[in-house]
């Protein structure tokens, strides 16, 4: 059992470990993740000190994981119930008869739609895309492209300094910056951390004003090194900068759908 649980601990570490206060809509799940993170830290401390308590700490991790899994299932059921309620509301207001706003595409079309912007539909709209894909395939696709990927459920990824460097790198080398919101509404948390990087940054980035008149240079710090000197930011590369948000939530809040351009990923058979 010990070997099995050790493998589970490593998987949890790679997955992001703990939400660290980013799960306001699900406080019990947030607390469970924090507890799991504490149990993993306790296990690491015991191993470093050579204290013979590995069996006890691994069992504590197993118990905490079971609690997280149970609460994850409850959160998923709550999200599904909310989605059904929104669907009923749309039907009652005859919104279901209207065209779903935004773009639609297959997984196989993501490269053309997002990376190439074939037809200039994203550029013409003016908003950055919010990729809506409950299957998670879009997130996997974006993670393994040449992107700067930020896992919004991983507190280390949401550190202001890490976000600043991820954004600078995407601008400097002309690549997409991706915020993976997972199955939780973490868009407000991302906005908050952008503001922690620099006041007003969230609005400037979402509204594309950061790209105008070299405003992005305000993100530079004396310790950044010569590779980030102002003359290293070239217009040809800046034109390839993209900002993507990806979510597994089927029906994101209306506020997000106003600020971002919805791109719904359709699975084979026409399902969303």
Protein backbone atom coordinates (compact mmCIF):
# COMPACT_ATOMS: atom_id res chain seq x y z
CA UNK A 1 0.00 0.00 0.00
CA UNK A 2 2.88 2.33 0.78
CA UNK A 3 4.25 2.17 -2.79
CA UNK A 4 0.80 2.80 -4.22
CA UNK A 5 0.23 5.81 -1.98
CA UNK A 6 3.67 7.22 -2.77
CA UNK A 7 2.78 7.12 -6.46
CA UNK A 8 -0.50 8.90 -5.66
CA UNK A 9 1.42 11.59 -3.75
CA UNK A 10 3.64 12.23 -6.78
CA UNK A 11 0.62 12.46 -9.05
CA UNK A 12 -0.98 14.97 -6.71
CA UNK A 13 2.19 17.07 -6.71
CA UNK A 14 2.30 17.15 -10.49
CA UNK A 15 -1.40 17.94 -10.69
CA UNK A 16 -1.08 21.09 -8.64
CA UNK A 17 -1.41 19.82 -5.09
CA UNK A 18 -3.69 22.43 -3.56
CA UNK A 19 -5.94 25.32 -4.57
CA UNK A 20 -4.64 27.55 -1.74
CA UNK A 21 -7.65 29.77 -1.29
CA UNK A 22 -8.73 30.06 -4.95
CA UNK A 23 -11.97 28.09 -4.54
CA UNK A 24 -14.31 30.67 -3.04
CA UNK A 25 -17.46 29.04 -4.51
CA UNK A 26 -16.53 25.70 -2.83
CA UNK A 27 -14.99 26.47 0.59
CA UNK A 28 -15.14 22.84 1.78
CA UNK A 29 -13.21 21.68 -1.26
CA UNK A 30 -10.70 24.46 -0.69
CA UNK A 31 -10.21 23.33 2.92
CA UNK A 32 -9.85 19.72 1.84
CA UNK A 33 -7.11 20.61 -0.62
CA UNK A 34 -5.30 22.61 2.04
CA UNK A 35 -5.53 19.65 4.42
CA UNK A 36 -4.18 17.31 1.74
CA UNK A 37 -1.29 19.67 1.12
CA UNK A 38 -0.49 19.73 4.86
CA UNK A 39 -0.51 15.95 5.03
CA UNK A 40 1.88 15.71 2.06
CA UNK A 41 4.18 18.29 3.69
CA UNK A 42 4.12 16.32 6.96
CA UNK A 43 5.04 13.15 5.07
CA UNK A 44 7.95 14.92 3.35
CA UNK A 45 9.20 16.25 6.70
CA UNK A 46 9.09 12.78 8.28
CA UNK A 47 11.04 11.30 5.37
CA UNK A 48 13.71 14.01 5.56
CA UNK A 49 14.13 13.50 9.31
CA UNK A 50 14.13 9.73 9.02
CA UNK A 51 11.27 9.41 11.49
CA UNK A 52 9.59 6.02 11.18
CA UNK A 53 6.08 7.35 10.68
CA UNK A 54 5.74 6.83 6.95
CA UNK A 55 2.83 4.38 7.25
CA UNK A 56 0.88 6.81 9.42
CA UNK A 57 1.53 9.84 7.22
CA UNK A 58 0.68 7.89 4.05
CA UNK A 59 -2.60 6.76 5.60
CA UNK A 60 -3.36 10.38 6.51
CA UNK A 61 -2.70 11.35 2.88
CA UNK A 62 -5.01 8.57 1.68
CA UNK A 63 -7.79 9.78 4.00
CA UNK A 64 -7.33 13.38 2.84
CA UNK A 65 -7.39 12.28 -0.82
CA UNK A 66 -10.65 10.42 -0.29
CA UNK A 67 -12.16 13.56 1.23
CA UNK A 68 -10.96 15.64 -1.74
CA UNK A 69 -12.36 13.12 -4.22
CA UNK A 70 -15.74 13.08 -2.49
CA UNK A 71 -15.97 16.87 -2.42
CA UNK A 72 -14.84 17.08 -6.04
CA UNK A 73 -17.76 14.86 -7.00
CA UNK A 74 -20.14 17.05 -5.00
CA UNK A 75 -18.75 20.20 -6.64
CA UNK A 76 -19.18 18.62 -10.06
CA UNK A 77 -22.78 17.72 -9.26
CA UNK A 78 -23.40 21.29 -8.08
CA UNK A 79 -21.92 22.68 -11.31
CA UNK A 80 -24.11 20.32 -13.34
CA UNK A 81 -27.20 21.38 -11.39
CA UNK A 82 -26.31 25.02 -11.97
CA UNK A 83 -25.84 24.36 -15.67
CA UNK A 84 -29.28 22.72 -15.83
CA UNK A 85 -30.82 25.68 -14.03
CA UNK A 86 -29.21 28.06 -16.51
CA UNK A 87 -30.47 25.91 -19.36
CA UNK A 88 -34.03 26.06 -18.01
CA UNK A 89 -33.74 29.83 -17.67
CA UNK A 90 -32.54 30.15 -21.25
CA UNK A 91 -35.42 28.00 -22.45
CA UNK A 92 -37.92 30.05 -20.48
CA UNK A 93 -36.59 33.27 -21.99
CA UNK A 94 -36.43 31.69 -25.46
CA UNK A 95 -32.66 32.09 -25.53
CA UNK A 96 -32.31 28.47 -26.55
CA UNK A 97 -33.76 29.37 -29.93
CA UNK A 98 -31.07 31.95 -30.53
CA UNK A 99 -27.61 31.29 -31.84
CA UNK A 100 -25.10 30.58 -29.08
CA UNK A 101 -22.74 33.60 -29.07
CA UNK A 102 -19.12 33.20 -30.01
CA UNK A 103 -17.27 30.68 -32.14
CA UNK A 104 -17.56 26.91 -32.43
CA UNK A 105 -14.94 24.45 -33.57
CA UNK A 106 -13.80 20.84 -33.38
CA UNK A 107 -10.73 19.81 -31.41
CA UNK A 108 -8.94 19.20 -34.72
CA UNK A 109 -9.61 22.82 -35.71
CA UNK A 110 -8.14 24.44 -32.59
CA UNK A 111 -4.80 25.19 -34.24
CA UNK A 112 -6.44 27.05 -37.11
CA UNK A 113 -8.96 28.87 -34.92
CA UNK A 114 -6.68 29.85 -32.01
CA UNK A 115 -3.08 29.79 -33.16
CA UNK A 116 -3.56 30.97 -36.75
CA UNK A 117 -6.84 32.89 -36.33
CA UNK A 118 -7.89 31.81 -39.81
CA UNK A 119 -10.39 34.35 -41.10
CA UNK A 120 -9.26 36.95 -38.52
CA UNK A 121 -12.42 36.32 -36.47
CA UNK A 122 -10.66 36.72 -33.11
CA UNK A 123 -8.83 39.85 -34.22
CA UNK A 124 -12.05 41.34 -35.61
CA UNK A 125 -13.95 40.65 -32.39
CA UNK A 126 -11.29 42.34 -30.26
CA UNK A 127 -11.68 40.07 -27.24
CA UNK A 128 -9.31 37.32 -26.16
CA UNK A 129 -10.76 33.80 -26.42
CA UNK A 130 -12.35 31.82 -23.61
CA UNK A 131 -12.12 28.21 -24.82
CA UNK A 132 -15.03 26.23 -23.39
CA UNK A 133 -14.40 22.50 -23.42
CA UNK A 134 -15.82 20.23 -20.69
CA UNK A 135 -13.86 17.29 -22.13
CA UNK A 136 -10.51 18.90 -21.30
CA UNK A 137 -9.03 18.13 -24.72
CA UNK A 138 -8.51 21.82 -25.53
CA UNK A 139 -6.50 22.33 -22.33
CA UNK A 140 -4.30 19.35 -23.22
CA UNK A 141 -3.82 20.70 -26.74
CA UNK A 142 -2.79 24.17 -25.51
CA UNK A 143 -0.53 22.80 -22.79
CA UNK A 144 1.61 20.92 -25.30
CA UNK A 145 1.85 23.70 -27.87
CA UNK A 146 4.60 26.33 -27.72
CA UNK A 147 2.79 28.34 -25.05
CA UNK A 148 3.42 29.78 -21.61
CA UNK A 149 0.94 27.71 -19.63
CA UNK A 150 -0.46 28.79 -16.26
CA UNK A 151 -2.43 26.23 -14.26
CA UNK A 152 -4.80 28.42 -12.27
CA UNK A 153 -5.44 25.76 -9.61
CA UNK A 154 -1.74 25.58 -8.80
CA UNK A 155 -0.88 28.33 -6.29
CA UNK A 156 2.76 28.33 -7.40
CA UNK A 157 1.65 29.15 -10.96
CA UNK A 158 -0.45 32.05 -9.66
CA UNK A 159 2.39 33.78 -7.84
CA UNK A 160 2.57 37.37 -9.17
CA UNK A 161 6.25 37.06 -10.11
CA UNK A 162 5.65 33.85 -12.04
CA UNK A 163 2.72 35.42 -13.89
CA UNK A 164 4.84 38.51 -14.69
CA UNK A 165 7.60 36.37 -16.18
CA UNK A 166 5.14 34.19 -18.08
CA UNK A 167 3.54 37.28 -19.59
CA UNK A 168 6.88 38.91 -20.40
CA UNK A 169 8.14 35.73 -22.00
CA UNK A 170 5.03 35.39 -24.14
CA UNK A 171 5.45 38.98 -25.32
CA UNK A 172 9.20 38.73 -25.81
CA UNK A 173 9.10 35.50 -27.83
CA UNK A 174 5.74 35.99 -29.53
CA UNK A 175 3.76 33.07 -28.14
CA UNK A 176 0.39 32.51 -26.40
CA UNK A 177 -0.12 32.92 -22.67
CA UNK A 178 -2.64 30.33 -21.48
CA UNK A 179 -4.60 30.42 -18.22
CA UNK A 180 -6.19 27.02 -17.55
CA UNK A 181 -9.17 27.67 -15.27
CA UNK A 182 -10.00 23.96 -15.02
CA UNK A 183 -13.51 23.08 -13.82
CA UNK A 184 -13.80 25.97 -11.35
CA UNK A 185 -14.56 29.67 -11.84
CA UNK A 186 -11.05 30.97 -11.24
CA UNK A 187 -11.22 33.92 -13.63
CA UNK A 188 -11.63 36.43 -10.73
CA UNK A 189 -8.59 34.89 -9.01
CA UNK A 190 -6.51 35.34 -12.16
CA UNK A 191 -7.63 38.96 -12.43
CA UNK A 192 -6.69 39.52 -8.79
CA UNK A 193 -3.20 38.10 -9.31
CA UNK A 194 -2.68 40.21 -12.41
CA UNK A 195 -3.50 43.26 -10.30
CA UNK A 196 -0.94 42.04 -7.77
CA UNK A 197 1.67 42.11 -10.52
CA UNK A 198 0.84 45.70 -11.39
CA UNK A 199 -2.25 47.82 -10.64
CA UNK A 200 -4.45 48.08 -13.70
CA UNK A 201 -2.72 45.20 -15.48
CA UNK A 202 -5.82 43.01 -15.73
CA UNK A 203 -7.78 45.63 -17.65
CA UNK A 204 -4.82 46.62 -19.81
CA UNK A 205 -4.15 43.00 -20.75
CA UNK A 206 -7.78 42.06 -21.39
CA UNK A 207 -8.39 45.25 -23.37
CA UNK A 208 -5.11 44.88 -25.32
CA UNK A 209 -3.96 48.31 -24.20
CA UNK A 210 -0.80 46.72 -22.82
CA UNK A 211 0.36 46.14 -26.39
CA UNK A 212 0.05 49.80 -27.35
CA UNK A 213 2.86 52.35 -27.15
CA UNK A 214 5.19 49.83 -25.51
CA UNK A 215 3.21 49.83 -22.27
CA UNK A 216 4.39 46.27 -21.64
CA UNK A 217 7.82 47.69 -20.82
CA UNK A 218 6.38 48.77 -17.47
CA UNK A 219 6.55 45.09 -16.48
CA UNK A 220 10.34 45.05 -16.71
CA UNK A 221 12.45 44.92 -13.53
CA UNK A 222 16.19 45.68 -13.13
CA UNK A 223 16.84 42.03 -12.23
CA UNK A 224 15.34 40.62 -15.44
CA UNK A 225 18.63 40.37 -17.33
CA UNK A 226 19.75 41.38 -20.83
CA UNK A 227 17.38 38.95 -22.60
CA UNK A 228 14.53 41.20 -21.47
CA UNK A 229 16.07 44.53 -22.32
CA UNK A 230 13.62 46.86 -24.14
CA UNK A 231 15.30 46.42 -27.52
CA UNK A 232 14.63 42.67 -27.37
CA UNK A 233 10.88 43.19 -27.79
CA UNK A 234 10.27 43.17 -31.54
CA UNK A 235 7.03 44.14 -33.25
CA UNK A 236 7.13 41.07 -35.49
CA UNK A 237 7.06 38.81 -32.44
CA UNK A 238 4.57 40.92 -30.52
CA UNK A 239 2.08 40.37 -33.33
CA UNK A 240 2.11 36.65 -32.52
CA UNK A 241 1.27 37.18 -28.84
CA UNK A 242 -2.03 35.63 -27.80
CA UNK A 243 -3.97 35.40 -24.55
CA UNK A 244 -6.16 32.34 -24.05
CA UNK A 245 -8.36 31.25 -21.17
CA UNK A 246 -9.60 27.66 -21.17
CA UNK A 247 -12.32 26.22 -18.95
CA UNK A 248 -14.14 22.93 -18.44
CA UNK A 249 -17.22 24.76 -17.11
CA UNK A 250 -19.96 24.22 -19.69
CA UNK A 251 -21.75 27.53 -19.01
CA UNK A 252 -19.34 30.15 -17.62
CA UNK A 253 -20.72 33.23 -15.85
CA UNK A 254 -22.25 35.87 -18.12
CA UNK A 255 -19.61 38.40 -17.03
CA UNK A 256 -16.85 36.25 -18.53
CA UNK A 257 -18.78 35.80 -21.77
CA UNK A 258 -18.94 39.58 -22.10
CA UNK A 259 -15.25 40.23 -21.41
CA UNK A 260 -13.95 37.24 -23.39
CA UNK A 261 -14.84 35.69 -26.75
CA UNK A 262 -16.48 32.29 -26.20
CA UNK A 263 -15.00 29.50 -28.32
CA UNK A 264 -17.01 26.34 -27.77
CA UNK A 265 -15.29 23.08 -28.61
CA UNK A 266 -17.71 20.60 -30.16
CA UNK A 267 -17.12 16.91 -29.76
CA UNK A 268 -17.85 14.41 -32.54
CA UNK A 269 -21.61 13.94 -32.82
CA UNK A 270 -22.37 17.63 -32.22
CA UNK A 271 -22.18 17.63 -28.43
CA UNK A 272 -20.61 20.56 -26.62
